[in-house]
Protein backbone atom coordinates (compact mmCIF):
# COMPACT_ATOMS: atom_id res chain seq x y z
CA UNK A 1 24.55 -35.03 -22.00
CA UNK A 2 23.21 -31.99 -23.82
CA UNK A 3 20.00 -31.17 -25.66
CA UNK A 4 20.06 -29.74 -29.18
CA UNK A 5 17.20 -27.95 -30.92
CA UNK A 6 16.74 -28.28 -34.68
CA UNK A 7 14.65 -26.14 -37.04
CA UNK A 8 13.65 -28.52 -39.82
CA UNK A 9 12.40 -27.78 -43.35
CA UNK A 10 11.10 -30.51 -45.63
CA UNK A 11 9.06 -31.32 -48.70
CA UNK A 12 6.49 -33.78 -47.35
CA UNK A 13 5.48 -35.21 -50.72
CA UNK A 14 7.37 -38.49 -50.39
CA UNK A 15 6.82 -39.03 -46.66
CA UNK A 16 4.06 -40.47 -44.50
CA UNK A 17 4.14 -37.42 -42.25
CA UNK A 18 6.43 -36.64 -39.33
CA UNK A 19 5.74 -39.37 -36.81
CA UNK A 20 7.13 -42.90 -37.06
CA UNK A 21 4.76 -45.18 -38.98
CA UNK A 22 4.85 -48.95 -39.60
CA UNK A 23 3.64 -48.54 -43.19
CA UNK A 24 5.95 -45.95 -44.69
CA UNK A 25 8.99 -43.72 -44.31
CA UNK A 26 8.63 -40.56 -42.16
CA UNK A 27 10.64 -37.42 -41.42
CA UNK A 28 11.26 -38.56 -37.84
CA UNK A 29 12.63 -41.90 -39.04
CA UNK A 30 15.06 -40.25 -41.47
CA UNK A 31 16.29 -37.78 -38.84
CA UNK A 32 16.80 -40.50 -36.24
CA UNK A 33 18.90 -42.60 -38.62
CA UNK A 34 20.99 -39.70 -39.91
CA UNK A 35 21.70 -38.40 -36.38
CA UNK A 36 22.52 -41.86 -35.04
CA UNK A 37 24.97 -42.42 -37.89
CA UNK A 38 26.52 -38.98 -37.47
CA UNK A 39 26.91 -39.05 -33.69
CA UNK A 40 27.55 -42.80 -33.41
CA UNK A 41 24.98 -43.23 -30.67
CA UNK A 42 21.22 -44.03 -30.63
CA UNK A 43 19.23 -40.84 -31.17
CA UNK A 44 15.45 -40.30 -31.03
CA UNK A 45 14.20 -36.80 -31.85
CA UNK A 46 11.19 -35.21 -30.15
CA UNK A 47 9.16 -33.19 -32.64
CA UNK A 48 7.07 -30.12 -31.93
CA UNK A 49 4.44 -30.68 -34.61
CA UNK A 50 3.44 -34.03 -36.08
CA UNK A 51 2.57 -32.99 -39.61
CA UNK A 52 0.48 -35.36 -41.74
CA UNK A 53 1.43 -37.28 -44.84
CA UNK A 54 2.12 -34.87 -47.70
CA UNK A 55 2.32 -31.75 -45.49
CA UNK A 56 5.40 -29.55 -45.89
CA UNK A 57 7.41 -27.49 -43.42
CA UNK A 58 9.76 -24.54 -43.45
CA UNK A 59 10.16 -24.29 -39.70
CA UNK A 60 9.22 -27.39 -37.74
CA UNK A 61 11.15 -27.87 -34.49
CA UNK A 62 12.68 -30.95 -32.88
CA UNK A 63 15.12 -31.69 -30.06
CA UNK A 64 17.37 -34.61 -29.20
CA UNK A 65 19.84 -35.52 -26.47
CA UNK A 66 23.42 -36.44 -27.20
CA UNK A 67 26.81 -37.07 -25.58
CA UNK A 68 28.56 -35.71 -28.68
CA UNK A 69 31.15 -32.94 -28.35
CA UNK A 70 30.14 -31.38 -31.66
CA UNK A 71 28.98 -27.81 -30.90
CA UNK A 72 25.22 -27.46 -31.12
CA UNK A 73 25.33 -24.75 -33.77
CA UNK A 74 27.58 -26.89 -36.03
CA UNK A 75 25.44 -30.02 -36.04
CA UNK A 76 23.13 -28.68 -38.75
CA UNK A 77 25.97 -28.49 -41.28
CA UNK A 78 27.22 -32.00 -40.62
CA UNK A 79 23.72 -33.45 -40.52
CA UNK A 80 22.60 -31.90 -43.80
CA UNK A 81 25.34 -33.83 -45.61
CA UNK A 82 23.64 -37.07 -44.55
CA UNK A 83 20.04 -36.07 -45.31
CA UNK A 84 18.12 -36.45 -48.60
CA UNK A 85 17.70 -33.25 -50.57
CA UNK A 86 14.05 -32.87 -49.56
CA UNK A 87 14.97 -32.46 -45.85
CA UNK A 88 17.23 -29.69 -44.56
CA UNK A 89 18.10 -28.48 -41.07
CA UNK A 90 17.90 -24.69 -41.11
CA UNK A 91 19.54 -24.08 -37.71
CA UNK A 92 20.73 -26.04 -34.69
CA UNK A 93 21.52 -24.82 -31.19
CA UNK A 94 22.01 -26.14 -27.68
CA UNK A 95 19.07 -25.56 -25.30
CA UNK A 96 18.52 -26.29 -21.58
CA UNK A 97 18.20 -30.02 -20.78
CA UNK A 98 14.54 -29.66 -19.76
CA UNK A 99 13.47 -27.63 -22.81
CA UNK A 100 10.63 -29.48 -24.57
CA UNK A 101 9.23 -28.29 -27.93
CA UNK A 102 5.64 -29.24 -27.05
CA UNK A 103 5.62 -27.84 -23.51
CA UNK A 104 6.42 -24.21 -24.28
CA UNK A 105 4.05 -21.38 -25.12
CA UNK A 106 4.36 -20.94 -28.85
CA UNK A 107 2.87 -19.08 -31.80
CA UNK A 108 2.55 -21.53 -34.65
CA UNK A 109 2.04 -20.29 -38.22
CA UNK A 110 0.76 -22.28 -41.20
CA UNK A 111 0.10 -21.38 -44.81
CA UNK A 112 -2.40 -23.08 -47.06
CA UNK A 113 -2.09 -22.37 -50.79
CA UNK A 114 -4.88 -22.56 -53.37
CA UNK A 115 -4.18 -22.11 -57.07
CA UNK A 116 -7.36 -20.39 -58.27
CA UNK A 117 -7.40 -20.26 -62.07
CA UNK A 118 -9.11 -22.02 -64.97
CA UNK A 119 -6.20 -24.30 -65.88
CA UNK A 120 -3.78 -25.94 -63.46
CA UNK A 121 -0.09 -25.09 -63.56
CA UNK A 122 2.27 -28.12 -63.35
CA UNK A 123 4.97 -26.05 -61.65
CA UNK A 124 4.03 -25.89 -57.99
CA UNK A 125 1.38 -28.60 -58.24
CA UNK A 126 2.87 -30.39 -55.22
CA UNK A 127 2.48 -27.35 -52.96
CA UNK A 128 -0.98 -25.94 -53.75
CA UNK A 129 -4.54 -27.22 -54.07
CA UNK A 130 -6.02 -26.45 -57.49
CA UNK A 131 -9.51 -24.89 -57.69
CA UNK A 132 -10.88 -23.79 -61.08
CA UNK A 133 -14.05 -22.21 -59.60
CA UNK A 134 -13.72 -18.42 -59.33
CA UNK A 135 -13.47 -17.84 -55.57
CA UNK A 136 -14.88 -14.72 -53.89
CA UNK A 137 -11.86 -13.67 -51.83
CA UNK A 138 -13.67 -10.89 -49.98
CA UNK A 139 -16.35 -13.25 -48.69
CA UNK A 140 -13.65 -15.69 -47.61
CA UNK A 141 -12.02 -12.89 -45.63
CA UNK A 142 -15.32 -12.00 -43.98
CA UNK A 143 -15.82 -15.63 -43.02
CA UNK A 144 -12.26 -15.88 -41.67
CA UNK A 145 -12.87 -12.99 -39.28
CA UNK A 146 -15.28 -15.15 -37.24
CA UNK A 147 -12.46 -17.58 -36.47
CA UNK A 148 -10.00 -15.08 -35.00
CA UNK A 149 -9.79 -15.20 -31.19
CA UNK A 150 -10.26 -17.92 -28.63
CA UNK A 151 -12.99 -20.40 -29.53
CA UNK A 152 -13.99 -24.00 -29.20
CA UNK A 153 -12.89 -25.45 -32.56
CA UNK A 154 -14.56 -28.82 -32.10
CA UNK A 155 -16.26 -28.39 -35.50
CA UNK A 156 -12.86 -27.98 -37.12
CA UNK A 157 -11.06 -31.12 -36.02
CA UNK A 158 -11.16 -34.74 -37.06
CA UNK A 159 -13.59 -36.83 -35.02
CA UNK A 160 -10.90 -39.03 -33.49
CA UNK A 161 -9.54 -36.08 -31.48
CA UNK A 162 -12.82 -34.84 -30.02
CA UNK A 163 -11.99 -36.32 -26.59
CA UNK A 164 -9.24 -33.77 -26.03
CA UNK A 165 -9.60 -30.08 -25.14
CA UNK A 166 -10.70 -28.35 -28.33
CA UNK A 167 -10.33 -24.69 -27.33
CA UNK A 168 -7.64 -22.88 -29.29
CA UNK A 169 -6.70 -19.26 -30.03
CA UNK A 170 -6.19 -17.91 -33.54
CA UNK A 171 -4.15 -14.70 -33.45
CA UNK A 172 -4.49 -13.84 -37.14
CA UNK A 173 -5.98 -15.29 -40.32
CA UNK A 174 -5.30 -13.54 -43.64
CA UNK A 175 -5.92 -14.35 -47.31
CA UNK A 176 -3.98 -12.83 -50.22
CA UNK A 177 -4.07 -13.52 -53.96
CA UNK A 178 -1.22 -12.83 -56.35
CA UNK A 179 -1.24 -12.08 -60.07
CA UNK A 180 -0.87 -15.78 -60.95
CA UNK A 181 -4.07 -16.65 -59.08
CA UNK A 182 -2.31 -18.19 -56.05
CA UNK A 183 -4.30 -17.61 -52.86
CA UNK A 184 -2.30 -17.88 -49.64
CA UNK A 185 -4.19 -18.40 -46.41
CA UNK A 186 -1.85 -17.59 -43.53
CA UNK A 187 -2.98 -18.54 -40.03
CA UNK A 188 -1.23 -18.09 -36.67
CA UNK A 189 -2.38 -19.51 -33.36
CA UNK A 190 -1.32 -20.96 -30.05
CA UNK A 191 -1.88 -24.48 -31.35
CA UNK A 192 -3.99 -26.43 -33.81
CA UNK A 193 -6.12 -29.56 -33.57
CA UNK A 194 -5.71 -32.53 -35.87
CA UNK A 195 -6.56 -31.40 -39.43
CA UNK A 196 -7.83 -28.05 -38.09
CA UNK A 197 -6.08 -25.84 -40.66
CA UNK A 198 -7.11 -28.06 -43.57
CA UNK A 199 -10.74 -28.11 -42.40
CA UNK A 200 -10.70 -24.32 -42.07
CA UNK A 201 -9.31 -24.12 -45.61
CA UNK A 202 -12.00 -26.50 -46.86
CA UNK A 203 -14.72 -24.47 -45.15
CA UNK A 204 -13.46 -21.17 -46.56
CA UNK A 205 -13.37 -22.75 -50.00
CA UNK A 206 -17.11 -23.41 -49.69
CA UNK A 207 -17.64 -19.78 -48.71
CA UNK A 208 -15.60 -18.65 -51.69
CA UNK A 209 -17.72 -20.83 -53.99
CA UNK A 210 -20.93 -19.35 -52.59
CA UNK A 211 -22.09 -22.59 -50.94
CA UNK A 212 -21.91 -20.99 -47.46
CA UNK A 213 -22.54 -17.31 -46.66
CA UNK A 214 -19.68 -15.81 -44.59
CA UNK A 215 -21.76 -15.61 -41.40
CA UNK A 216 -22.41 -19.35 -41.54
CA UNK A 217 -18.89 -19.87 -40.19
CA UNK A 218 -20.06 -18.53 -36.82
CA UNK A 219 -22.89 -21.07 -36.85
CA UNK A 220 -20.35 -23.81 -37.58
CA UNK A 221 -18.32 -22.74 -34.55
CA UNK A 222 -21.45 -22.72 -32.39
CA UNK A 223 -22.44 -26.21 -33.53
CA UNK A 224 -19.27 -27.85 -32.12
CA UNK A 225 -19.88 -30.66 -34.59
CA UNK A 226 -17.43 -31.82 -37.27
CA UNK A 227 -20.33 -32.55 -39.64
CA UNK A 228 -21.26 -28.86 -39.70
CA UNK A 229 -18.00 -27.70 -41.32
CA UNK A 230 -16.63 -28.09 -44.83
CA UNK A 231 -14.38 -30.87 -46.09
CA UNK A 232 -10.72 -31.40 -45.30
CA UNK A 233 -8.61 -29.69 -47.97
CA UNK A 234 -5.78 -31.80 -49.50
CA UNK A 235 -2.55 -32.05 -47.52
CA UNK A 236 -0.24 -30.86 -50.28
CA UNK A 237 -1.40 -27.24 -49.96
CA UNK A 238 -0.34 -27.01 -46.31
CA UNK A 239 3.03 -25.82 -45.02
CA UNK A 240 4.14 -25.32 -41.43
CA UNK A 241 5.88 -21.96 -41.71
CA UNK A 242 7.27 -21.27 -38.24
CA UNK A 243 7.11 -21.84 -34.52
CA UNK A 244 7.89 -18.77 -32.40
CA UNK A 245 8.48 -19.66 -28.76
CA UNK A 246 7.52 -17.22 -26.03
CA UNK A 247 10.60 -15.73 -24.37
CA UNK A 248 8.70 -14.32 -21.40
CA UNK A 249 5.18 -14.76 -20.06
CA UNK A 250 2.47 -12.37 -21.12
CA UNK A 251 1.66 -10.44 -17.89
CA UNK A 252 -2.09 -10.71 -18.40
CA UNK A 253 -4.28 -12.60 -20.84
CA UNK A 254 -7.79 -11.21 -21.41
CA UNK A 255 -10.34 -13.17 -23.43
CA UNK A 256 -13.89 -12.01 -24.23
CA UNK A 257 -16.10 -13.98 -26.61
CA UNK A 258 -19.79 -14.85 -26.73
CA UNK A 259 -19.38 -17.83 -24.40
CA UNK A 260 -16.85 -16.71 -21.79
CA UNK A 261 -14.86 -13.76 -20.52
CA UNK A 262 -11.89 -14.08 -18.21
CA UNK A 263 -8.57 -12.61 -17.12
CA UNK A 264 -5.53 -14.73 -16.36
CA UNK A 265 -2.89 -12.72 -14.51
CA UNK A 266 0.58 -14.20 -14.89
CA UNK A 267 2.68 -11.25 -13.85
CA UNK A 268 3.62 -12.76 -10.49
CA UNK A 269 4.51 -16.21 -11.80
CA UNK A 270 8.21 -15.58 -12.59
CA UNK A 271 9.12 -14.26 -9.12
CA UNK A 272 6.38 -15.52 -6.80
CA UNK A 273 4.99 -18.56 -8.65
CA UNK A 274 1.49 -17.11 -8.15
CA UNK A 275 -1.21 -16.85 -10.78
CA UNK A 276 -4.75 -15.46 -10.75
CA UNK A 277 -7.76 -16.51 -12.81
CA UNK A 278 -10.84 -14.28 -12.73
CA UNK A 279 -13.82 -15.63 -14.65
CA UNK A 280 -16.15 -12.72 -15.30
CA UNK A 281 -18.67 -14.60 -17.45
CA UNK A 282 -19.02 -18.18 -18.64
CA UNK A 283 -21.78 -20.51 -19.80
CA UNK A 284 -22.51 -23.10 -17.15
CA UNK A 285 -21.88 -25.95 -19.57
CA UNK A 286 -18.41 -24.54 -20.39
CA UNK A 287 -17.46 -23.55 -16.85
CA UNK A 288 -15.82 -26.74 -15.59
CA UNK A 289 -13.61 -27.32 -18.59
CA UNK A 290 -12.70 -23.62 -18.72
CA UNK A 291 -11.46 -23.69 -15.13
CA UNK A 292 -9.59 -26.93 -15.77
CA UNK A 293 -7.93 -25.58 -18.90
CA UNK A 294 -6.88 -22.26 -17.37
CA UNK A 295 -5.58 -23.73 -14.13
CA UNK A 296 -3.54 -26.28 -16.07
CA UNK A 297 -2.16 -23.58 -18.34
CA UNK A 298 -1.24 -21.43 -15.36
CA UNK A 299 0.45 -24.40 -13.64
CA UNK A 300 2.35 -25.31 -16.80
CA UNK A 301 3.57 -21.72 -17.02
CA UNK A 302 5.19 -22.02 -13.60
CA UNK A 303 2.53 -21.06 -11.04
CA UNK A 304 2.37 -23.22 -7.92
CA UNK A 305 -0.27 -21.12 -6.17
CA UNK A 306 -3.23 -20.48 -8.46
CA UNK A 307 -6.11 -18.35 -7.17
CA UNK A 308 -9.43 -18.75 -8.98
CA UNK A 309 -12.42 -16.40 -8.69
CA UNK A 310 -15.88 -16.90 -10.18
CA UNK A 311 -16.83 -13.22 -10.46
CA UNK A 312 -20.04 -13.61 -12.47
CA UNK A 313 -22.91 -12.06 -10.45
CA UNK A 314 -25.32 -14.59 -8.99
CA UNK A 315 -23.04 -17.56 -9.64
CA UNK A 316 -21.35 -19.73 -7.03
CA UNK A 317 -19.94 -22.55 -9.12
CA UNK A 318 -16.68 -23.03 -7.24
CA UNK A 319 -16.75 -25.03 -4.03
CA UNK A 320 -14.43 -26.33 -1.34
CA UNK A 321 -13.00 -29.67 -2.45
CA UNK A 322 -14.04 -29.22 -6.08
CA UNK A 323 -11.82 -31.07 -8.55
CA UNK A 324 -10.78 -29.74 -11.93
CA UNK A 325 -8.54 -32.13 -13.77
CA UNK A 326 -5.37 -32.61 -11.71
CA UNK A 327 -6.33 -29.86 -9.26
CA UNK A 328 -8.39 -29.58 -6.09
CA UNK A 329 -9.87 -26.33 -4.74
CA UNK A 330 -9.80 -24.97 -1.22
CA UNK A 331 -11.15 -21.65 0.04
CA UNK A 332 -8.40 -19.07 0.33
CA UNK A 333 -9.62 -15.52 0.85
CA UNK A 334 -12.19 -12.97 -0.13
CA UNK A 335 -11.93 -9.22 -0.53
CA UNK A 336 -13.67 -7.00 1.99
CA UNK A 337 -15.05 -3.66 0.82
CA UNK A 338 -14.32 -1.13 3.55
CA UNK A 339 -15.20 2.54 3.91
CA UNK A 340 -14.89 5.47 6.23
CA UNK A 341 -17.21 8.47 6.10
CA UNK A 342 -15.64 11.91 6.50
CA UNK A 343 -17.26 15.25 7.33
CA UNK A 344 -16.57 16.44 3.79
CA UNK A 345 -14.71 19.57 4.83
CA UNK A 346 -11.13 20.47 5.51
CA UNK A 347 -9.91 18.52 8.53
CA UNK A 348 -8.15 20.06 11.43
CA UNK A 349 -4.46 19.25 11.51
CA UNK A 350 -3.76 16.26 13.72
CA UNK A 351 -1.71 16.81 16.88
CA UNK A 352 1.98 16.79 16.09
CA UNK A 353 2.68 13.75 18.24
CA UNK A 354 0.57 11.49 15.99
CA UNK A 355 1.08 13.13 12.59
CA UNK A 356 4.70 12.28 12.02
CA UNK A 357 3.98 10.61 8.66
CA UNK A 358 3.58 12.86 5.62
CA UNK A 359 2.63 12.12 2.02
CA UNK A 360 5.12 13.12 -0.67
CA UNK A 361 4.37 12.67 -4.37
CA UNK A 362 6.58 10.01 -5.92
CA UNK A 363 9.27 11.29 -8.27
CA UNK A 364 11.19 9.35 -10.85
CA UNK A 365 14.49 9.20 -8.87
CA UNK A 366 12.60 7.41 -6.09
CA UNK A 367 10.87 4.77 -8.25
CA UNK A 368 13.40 2.03 -7.54
CA UNK A 369 13.21 2.44 -3.77
CA UNK A 370 9.40 2.64 -3.87
CA UNK A 371 9.22 -0.62 -5.82
CA UNK A 372 11.67 -2.35 -3.50
CA UNK A 373 9.58 -1.44 -0.44
CA UNK A 374 6.35 -2.44 -2.12
CA UNK A 375 7.48 -5.80 -3.46
CA UNK A 376 9.17 -6.76 -0.19
CA UNK A 377 6.16 -5.81 1.93
CA UNK A 378 3.62 -7.66 -0.20
CA UNK A 379 5.70 -10.57 -1.45
CA UNK A 380 3.85 -13.20 0.61
CA UNK A 381 0.40 -11.55 0.66
CA UNK A 382 -2.02 -13.70 -1.35
CA UNK A 383 -3.97 -10.81 -2.86
CA UNK A 384 -1.01 -8.62 -3.78
CA UNK A 385 0.05 -7.66 -7.28
CA UNK A 386 3.57 -7.12 -8.54
CA UNK A 387 4.42 -3.61 -9.67
CA UNK A 388 7.27 -2.55 -11.92
CA UNK A 389 8.51 0.67 -13.47
CA UNK A 390 6.33 0.20 -16.56
CA UNK A 391 3.23 0.11 -14.34
CA UNK A 392 4.20 3.34 -12.60
CA UNK A 393 4.87 5.06 -15.93
CA UNK A 394 1.55 3.92 -17.39
CA UNK A 395 -0.59 4.81 -14.36
CA UNK A 396 1.04 8.19 -13.84
CA UNK A 397 0.71 9.03 -17.52
CA UNK A 398 -3.01 8.26 -17.77
CA UNK A 399 -3.74 9.72 -14.31
CA UNK A 400 -5.56 6.61 -13.12
CA UNK A 401 -3.47 6.30 -9.93
CA UNK A 402 -1.27 8.57 -7.84
CA UNK A 403 1.87 7.23 -6.22
CA UNK A 404 3.19 8.50 -2.89
CA UNK A 405 6.09 8.04 -0.53
CA UNK A 406 5.29 8.01 3.18
CA UNK A 407 7.89 9.98 5.10
CA UNK A 408 8.61 10.57 8.75
CA UNK A 409 12.12 11.27 9.83
CA UNK A 410 12.97 9.05 6.88
CA UNK A 411 11.09 7.15 4.19
CA UNK A 412 8.82 4.74 5.96
CA UNK A 413 6.41 3.40 3.33
CA UNK A 414 4.37 3.87 0.20
CA UNK A 415 0.81 4.40 -1.00
CA UNK A 416 -1.20 4.39 -4.20
CA UNK A 417 -4.38 6.48 -4.24
CA UNK A 418 -7.00 7.30 -6.83
CA UNK A 419 -10.02 9.56 -7.05
CA UNK A 420 -13.07 7.58 -8.05
CA UNK A 421 -14.63 9.39 -11.05
CA UNK A 422 -17.83 11.35 -10.49
CA UNK A 423 -17.75 10.73 -6.73
CA UNK A 424 -16.35 12.43 -3.65
CA UNK A 425 -14.43 9.30 -2.74
CA UNK A 426 -10.71 8.69 -2.37
CA UNK A 427 -9.79 5.05 -2.97
CA UNK A 428 -6.78 3.68 -1.12
CA UNK A 429 -5.52 1.28 -3.75
CA UNK A 430 -2.62 0.15 -1.59
CA UNK A 431 -0.65 1.24 1.44
CA UNK A 432 2.32 -0.32 3.16
CA UNK A 433 5.13 0.26 5.60
CA UNK A 434 8.71 -0.79 4.96
CA UNK A 435 9.17 -4.27 6.41
CA UNK A 436 11.93 -3.31 8.83
CA UNK A 437 9.62 -0.69 10.44
CA UNK A 438 6.65 -2.94 11.11
CA UNK A 439 5.14 -2.86 14.60
CA UNK A 440 5.91 0.82 15.30
CA UNK A 441 2.45 2.24 14.70
CA UNK A 442 3.43 3.92 11.45
CA UNK A 443 0.57 2.30 9.50
CA UNK A 444 -2.00 4.04 11.70
CA UNK A 445 -0.23 7.36 11.30
CA UNK A 446 -0.15 6.88 7.52
CA UNK A 447 -3.91 6.28 7.48
CA UNK A 448 -4.44 9.52 9.40
CA UNK A 449 -2.25 11.37 6.91
CA UNK A 450 -4.36 10.07 4.02
CA UNK A 451 -7.52 11.07 5.88
CA UNK A 452 -6.14 14.60 6.27
CA UNK A 453 -5.42 14.75 2.52
CA UNK A 454 -8.97 13.68 1.72
CA UNK A 455 -10.33 16.32 4.06
CA UNK A 456 -8.18 19.00 2.44
CA UNK A 457 -9.69 18.00 -0.92
CA UNK A 458 -13.22 18.29 0.47
CA UNK A 459 -13.94 14.58 0.03
CA UNK A 460 -16.46 12.79 2.21
CA UNK A 461 -15.49 9.14 1.87
CA UNK A 462 -12.46 6.85 1.98
CA UNK A 463 -12.70 3.42 0.39
CA UNK A 464 -10.42 0.40 0.14
CA UNK A 465 -10.38 -3.35 -0.48
CA UNK A 466 -8.69 -5.73 1.96
CA UNK A 467 -8.18 -9.47 1.82
CA UNK A 468 -9.69 -11.12 4.88
CA UNK A 469 -6.61 -13.35 5.10
CA UNK A 470 -4.48 -10.24 5.74
CA UNK A 471 -5.60 -9.81 9.34
CA UNK A 472 -2.95 -7.23 10.36
CA UNK A 473 -4.21 -4.93 7.58
CA UNK A 474 -7.88 -5.48 8.43
CA UNK A 475 -7.13 -4.75 12.10
CA UNK A 476 -5.35 -1.52 11.12
CA UNK A 477 -8.25 -0.35 8.96
CA UNK A 478 -10.78 -1.06 11.70
CA UNK A 479 -8.65 0.86 14.19
CA UNK A 480 -8.59 3.75 11.68
CA UNK A 481 -12.39 3.85 11.65
CA UNK A 482 -13.17 1.79 8.55
CA UNK A 483 -16.22 -0.47 8.39
CA UNK A 484 -17.07 -3.37 6.08
CA UNK A 485 -19.87 -2.55 3.66
CA UNK A 486 -19.62 -5.51 1.31
CA UNK A 487 -17.66 -8.58 0.28
CA UNK A 488 -16.48 -10.07 -2.99
CA UNK A 489 -16.80 -13.78 -3.81
CA UNK A 490 -14.21 -16.24 -2.55
CA UNK A 491 -10.89 -16.78 -4.20
CA UNK A 492 -10.15 -20.49 -4.24
CA UNK A 493 -6.64 -21.88 -4.22
CA UNK A 494 -6.11 -24.64 -6.79
CA UNK A 495 -3.67 -27.23 -5.51
CA UNK A 496 -2.09 -30.07 -7.43
CA UNK A 497 -3.97 -33.14 -6.18
CA UNK A 498 -1.70 -35.73 -7.80
CA UNK A 499 1.91 -36.69 -7.90
CA UNK A 500 3.69 -35.67 -11.12
CA UNK A 501 3.94 -39.31 -12.17
CA UNK A 502 0.15 -39.61 -12.10
CA UNK A 503 -0.30 -37.18 -14.99
């Protein structure tokens, strides 16, 4: 059994949309029949986007499973011979058996066309909405700018879908007009609600006509009410252009709008199956669903340990045993702020018997070994971050962090330090000893070496953050003279509270 992916183009004029319907012929129905006849076995395609009646596509995606020996990349040619002329498979290819077109991160792009002239043009009438009123394109563009980014698009979806999560991200929304008066609205996002693009088009039409001022679009978003937005533009103007699937996870997603601000760190998911969600600001009424949505997204992207932090000052909205969708929270760790005060003058050299560790600035030939030591030492530490060569290049270039090798008779560990701006403080961003050398007292010697460096620079304070769950590190810092001067809020671990079959 193998799974084959199809990229499907079609003129939706004569079809009742993509999905099987009891009252009319659909794209899915035609594909199922043609594939079953071709491969001589029952076939049921799984579509990525269920376009409505009359909507067109240049790049919809579907998959199906088959026992056929026909190569995946050849199926499109054989299949097209059995399809009507208004449906064509653009490409076909074999994909992994578990690849699902609706369970992958994807950038979906639509176009909506409006023929804006005094008299309609019969050619193209099936692919554009006609509007004789002279539209103000610049005002439509101003209005469109309010929709870019992550928002709750509840006002822009049909009422029957309001029970589902209505937050979506629009990456870009542009409008262009050609010499024939054809306006093309092109919109890309991570997904769209039922009728969302057509309602956006209908709302922008009202802006273009002068019925709404551009800034009213922000008020429509804020209302979270379908009645606040414009009408649903006709289906014939809409075309699904493409679906671009993410080949690798974005290391970090940062969102900042008027209702919430958060960071979702995914960098450690591929290797460690760990993800981090830090909510820096969020309206109380949006908080629960925001946590639920982000944890689910992180889990779907491959994380099996998901650490959630409510970092908004004065808020303690996460709690032990709290449930968010399929997930239950338990306290995991919190970060301790630790410091050590120094005399602020050059330190005397430590006795030779305890100063065997020296700091050596990291050079490019040593990057690979440094990374290997770091990632091995911190692989199972809950609060650790994954570093790679790109991180070293970036941080060294902008001077935000300084990378060091710790050397004795041989290379024994690593450190990352930074000078806190406008202070006399050296921050120990991270420090570690090669795993095979643990238990030999080298961590204490490394801390003394860093203290000597700070003294040589005339600094008066060392600072670091330590996870309270990392007791060996906390014990080392206390032995080195550090004291706790503050704590950060708790990180909670979100665990799957249900069996997969319960979802």
